[in-house]
Amino acid sequence: MNPDSLSDEEILAALARQDLRALEMLYDRYSKVAYSLAYRIVGDHGSAEDIVQDAFLAVWRQANKYRRDLGAARSWLLAIVHHRSIDRLRSSASSGNHVPIDELPESKDEAPDPWQQVWSDLRGDVVRKALGSLPNDQRKSIELAYFSGYTHVEISQLMGVPLGTVKGRLRAGLLKLKALLDRQNLGAAPA
């Protein structure tokens, strides 16, 4: 098998047949971009390496579940990396092992007001629910732009779509998100 002559989909088909050389080809082709995405989300080299290894292992195990009609192979792989990275962040945050120093109150007098915290938590739940109700391509574009810090050009490359498509998805998604949040009367915090 000549790695350069095979498409991503052909490599995934070989992976589905448990061809180990196909995994090597896919890794050679996408390990750097996968690592870049993971590192950009988690901000730690060791964790990013673990995430990439875990993602390629998942691709190895689930290659037979890939469906070309749902998206490009590259997008499927990077979505796995993205989800594993977010899961890593969530597990780190929920473990309570560390809190960044800039998030710690400087004194007991600066502790957040309980009602303000409740309002903030409720508002976050509403925003997460509204974001989750968007079409997948719009939601992913918004997450990459606003939560992962990618530029429109980088999102275009990651998702394998034209720049204009990314901009259209972002605009449409943000308009839908605004309408959903307006329906919830999500205004300013109570005084």
Protein backbone atom coordinates (compact mmCIF):
# COMPACT_ATOMS: atom_id res chain seq x y z
CA MET A 1 0.00 0.00 0.00
CA ASN A 2 1.35 3.39 -1.01
CA PRO A 3 0.23 5.82 1.74
CA ASP A 4 0.15 8.83 -0.58
CA SER A 5 -2.10 7.19 -3.14
CA LEU A 6 -4.81 6.15 -0.67
CA SER A 7 -7.68 8.39 0.38
CA ASP A 8 -8.61 8.74 4.04
CA GLU A 9 -11.72 6.68 3.41
CA GLU A 10 -9.66 3.86 1.84
CA ILE A 11 -7.37 3.91 4.87
CA LEU A 12 -10.38 3.66 7.21
CA ALA A 13 -11.76 0.78 5.14
CA ALA A 14 -8.40 -1.01 5.61
CA LEU A 15 -8.57 -0.20 9.33
CA ALA A 16 -12.01 -1.78 9.49
CA ARG A 17 -10.32 -4.94 8.15
CA GLN A 18 -7.83 -4.64 11.06
CA ASP A 19 -4.90 -3.71 8.79
CA LEU A 20 -2.27 -2.34 11.18
CA ARG A 21 -0.40 -0.60 8.35
CA ALA A 22 -3.51 1.51 7.75
CA LEU A 23 -3.37 2.74 11.34
CA GLU A 24 0.26 3.74 10.84
CA MET A 25 -0.68 5.61 7.65
CA LEU A 26 -3.52 7.45 9.35
CA TYR A 27 -1.29 8.30 12.29
CA ASP A 28 1.46 9.62 10.02
CA ARG A 29 -1.10 11.70 8.15
CA TYR A 30 -2.98 13.23 11.11
CA SER A 31 -1.06 12.83 14.36
CA LYS A 32 0.35 16.37 14.23
CA VAL A 33 -2.98 18.09 13.62
CA ALA A 34 -4.64 15.82 16.22
CA TYR A 35 -1.95 16.70 18.76
CA SER A 36 -2.29 20.42 17.95
CA LEU A 37 -6.04 20.27 18.53
CA ALA A 38 -5.71 18.34 21.79
CA TYR A 39 -2.96 20.61 23.09
CA ARG A 40 -4.90 23.72 22.17
CA ILE A 41 -7.86 22.50 24.23
CA VAL A 42 -6.12 20.99 27.28
CA GLY A 43 -2.95 23.10 27.35
CA ASP A 44 -0.73 20.27 28.57
CA HIS A 45 1.74 18.30 26.44
CA GLY A 46 1.42 15.02 28.34
CA SER A 47 -2.37 15.11 28.35
CA ALA A 48 -2.45 16.00 24.65
CA GLU A 49 -0.22 13.01 23.84
CA ASP A 50 -2.48 10.71 25.89
CA ILE A 51 -5.58 12.07 24.15
CA VAL A 52 -4.09 11.50 20.68
CA GLN A 53 -3.08 7.95 21.58
CA ASP A 54 -6.56 7.28 22.98
CA ALA A 55 -8.24 8.79 19.91
CA PHE A 56 -6.25 6.66 17.46
CA LEU A 57 -6.99 3.59 19.56
CA ALA A 58 -10.69 4.48 19.36
CA VAL A 59 -10.42 4.86 15.58
CA TRP A 60 -8.74 1.45 15.40
CA ARG A 61 -11.55 -0.13 17.41
CA GLN A 62 -14.41 1.76 15.70
CA ALA A 63 -13.23 2.05 12.09
CA ASN A 64 -16.10 -0.17 10.98
CA LYS A 65 -18.57 2.41 12.40
CA TYR A 66 -17.29 5.25 10.21
CA ARG A 67 -19.90 6.42 7.70
CA ARG A 68 -18.65 8.44 4.75
CA ASP A 69 -22.09 9.99 4.19
CA LEU A 70 -21.91 11.71 7.62
CA GLY A 71 -18.61 13.48 7.00
CA ALA A 72 -14.99 13.29 6.01
CA ALA A 73 -12.69 10.82 7.73
CA ARG A 74 -10.45 13.68 8.87
CA SER A 75 -13.41 15.42 10.52
CA TRP A 76 -14.46 12.19 12.20
CA LEU A 77 -10.99 11.67 13.66
CA LEU A 78 -10.68 15.28 14.81
CA ALA A 79 -14.14 15.12 16.37
CA ILE A 80 -12.97 12.13 18.41
CA VAL A 81 -9.87 14.08 19.50
CA HIS A 82 -12.02 17.11 20.35
CA HIS A 83 -14.48 15.09 22.43
CA ARG A 84 -11.70 13.25 24.27
CA SER A 85 -10.02 16.59 25.01
CA ILE A 86 -13.22 18.11 26.38
CA ASP A 87 -13.80 14.98 28.46
CA ARG A 88 -10.28 15.34 29.87
CA LEU A 89 -10.96 18.97 30.81
CA ARG A 90 -14.24 18.03 32.46
CA SER A 91 -12.69 15.20 34.43
CA SER A 92 -9.86 17.46 35.59
CA ALA A 93 -12.31 20.14 36.65
CA SER A 94 -14.61 17.72 38.48
CA SER A 95 -11.76 15.97 40.30
CA GLY A 96 -11.17 19.16 42.25
CA ASN A 97 -7.45 18.49 42.40
CA HIS A 98 -6.48 21.98 41.38
CA VAL A 99 -7.94 25.40 40.90
CA PRO A 100 -6.03 27.95 38.85
CA ILE A 101 -4.61 30.61 41.14
CA ASP A 102 -6.41 33.40 39.29
CA GLU A 103 -9.77 31.79 40.12
CA LEU A 104 -9.18 31.70 43.88
CA PRO A 105 -10.72 34.53 45.91
CA GLU A 106 -8.05 36.77 47.38
CA SER A 107 -9.83 36.99 50.71
CA LYS A 108 -12.99 35.71 52.37
CA ASP A 109 -14.67 39.04 51.65
CA GLU A 110 -14.35 38.42 47.91
CA ALA A 111 -16.14 35.07 47.90
CA PRO A 112 -18.97 35.03 45.35
CA ASP A 113 -22.45 35.93 46.53
CA PRO A 114 -24.50 32.68 46.74
CA TRP A 115 -27.44 34.14 44.79
CA GLN A 116 -25.11 35.45 42.10
CA GLN A 117 -23.52 31.99 41.86
CA VAL A 118 -26.94 30.30 41.55
CA TRP A 119 -27.95 32.76 38.83
CA SER A 120 -24.69 32.17 37.00
CA ASP A 121 -25.09 28.38 37.20
CA LEU A 122 -28.69 28.51 35.91
CA ARG A 123 -27.70 30.82 33.08
CA GLY A 124 -24.86 28.45 32.13
CA ASP A 125 -27.27 25.50 32.04
CA VAL A 126 -29.64 27.40 29.73
CA VAL A 127 -26.78 28.39 27.40
CA ARG A 128 -25.44 24.80 27.27
CA LYS A 129 -28.92 23.45 26.51
CA ALA A 130 -29.48 26.05 23.77
CA LEU A 131 -26.08 25.28 22.26
CA GLY A 132 -26.85 21.57 22.33
CA SER A 133 -30.05 22.11 20.37
CA LEU A 134 -28.23 23.63 17.39
CA PRO A 135 -27.46 21.53 14.30
CA ASN A 136 -24.18 19.66 14.77
CA ASP A 137 -22.18 21.59 12.16
CA GLN A 138 -23.21 24.97 13.62
CA ARG A 139 -22.59 23.82 17.21
CA LYS A 140 -19.13 22.44 16.37
CA SER A 141 -18.20 25.64 14.54
CA ILE A 142 -19.24 27.77 17.51
CA GLU A 143 -17.41 25.51 19.97
CA LEU A 144 -14.22 25.63 17.94
CA ALA A 145 -14.39 29.41 17.53
CA TYR A 146 -15.54 30.52 20.97
CA PHE A 147 -14.46 27.77 23.34
CA SER A 148 -11.30 26.50 21.66
CA GLY A 149 -10.10 29.80 20.19
CA TYR A 150 -9.72 28.76 16.57
CA THR A 151 -9.83 31.30 13.76
CA HIS A 152 -12.30 30.91 10.91
CA VAL A 153 -9.49 29.75 8.62
CA GLU A 154 -8.35 27.13 11.13
CA ILE A 155 -11.92 25.88 11.56
CA SER A 156 -12.22 25.62 7.78
CA GLN A 157 -9.10 23.45 7.69
CA LEU A 158 -10.12 21.32 10.70
CA MET A 159 -13.60 20.65 9.38
CA GLY A 160 -12.55 20.33 5.74
CA VAL A 161 -15.08 22.89 4.47
CA PRO A 162 -14.72 26.22 2.63
CA LEU A 163 -14.14 29.37 4.67
CA GLY A 164 -17.49 30.82 3.54
CA THR A 165 -19.27 27.74 4.88
CA VAL A 166 -17.64 28.21 8.28
CA LYS A 167 -18.67 31.86 8.38
CA GLY A 168 -22.21 30.96 7.33
CA ARG A 169 -22.48 28.24 9.96
CA LEU A 170 -21.20 30.59 12.66
CA ARG A 171 -23.60 33.35 11.69
CA ALA A 172 -26.61 31.04 11.41
CA GLY A 173 -25.71 29.26 14.66
CA LEU A 174 -25.23 32.49 16.59
CA LEU A 175 -28.54 33.88 15.30
CA LYS A 176 -30.34 30.68 16.36
CA LEU A 177 -28.56 30.75 19.71
CA LYS A 178 -29.60 34.37 20.27
CA ALA A 179 -33.23 33.57 19.40
CA LEU A 180 -33.24 30.58 21.76
CA LEU A 181 -31.76 32.63 24.59
CA ASP A 182 -34.15 35.52 23.95
CA ARG A 183 -37.06 33.06 24.29
CA GLN A 184 -35.66 32.08 27.69
CA ASN A 185 -35.58 35.77 28.76
CA LEU A 186 -31.97 35.34 29.69
CA GLY A 187 -31.24 38.88 30.77
CA ALA A 188 -29.03 40.52 33.33
CA ALA A 189 -28.36 38.94 36.69
CA PRO A 190 -30.70 39.94 39.53
CA ALA A 191 -29.46 42.81 41.67
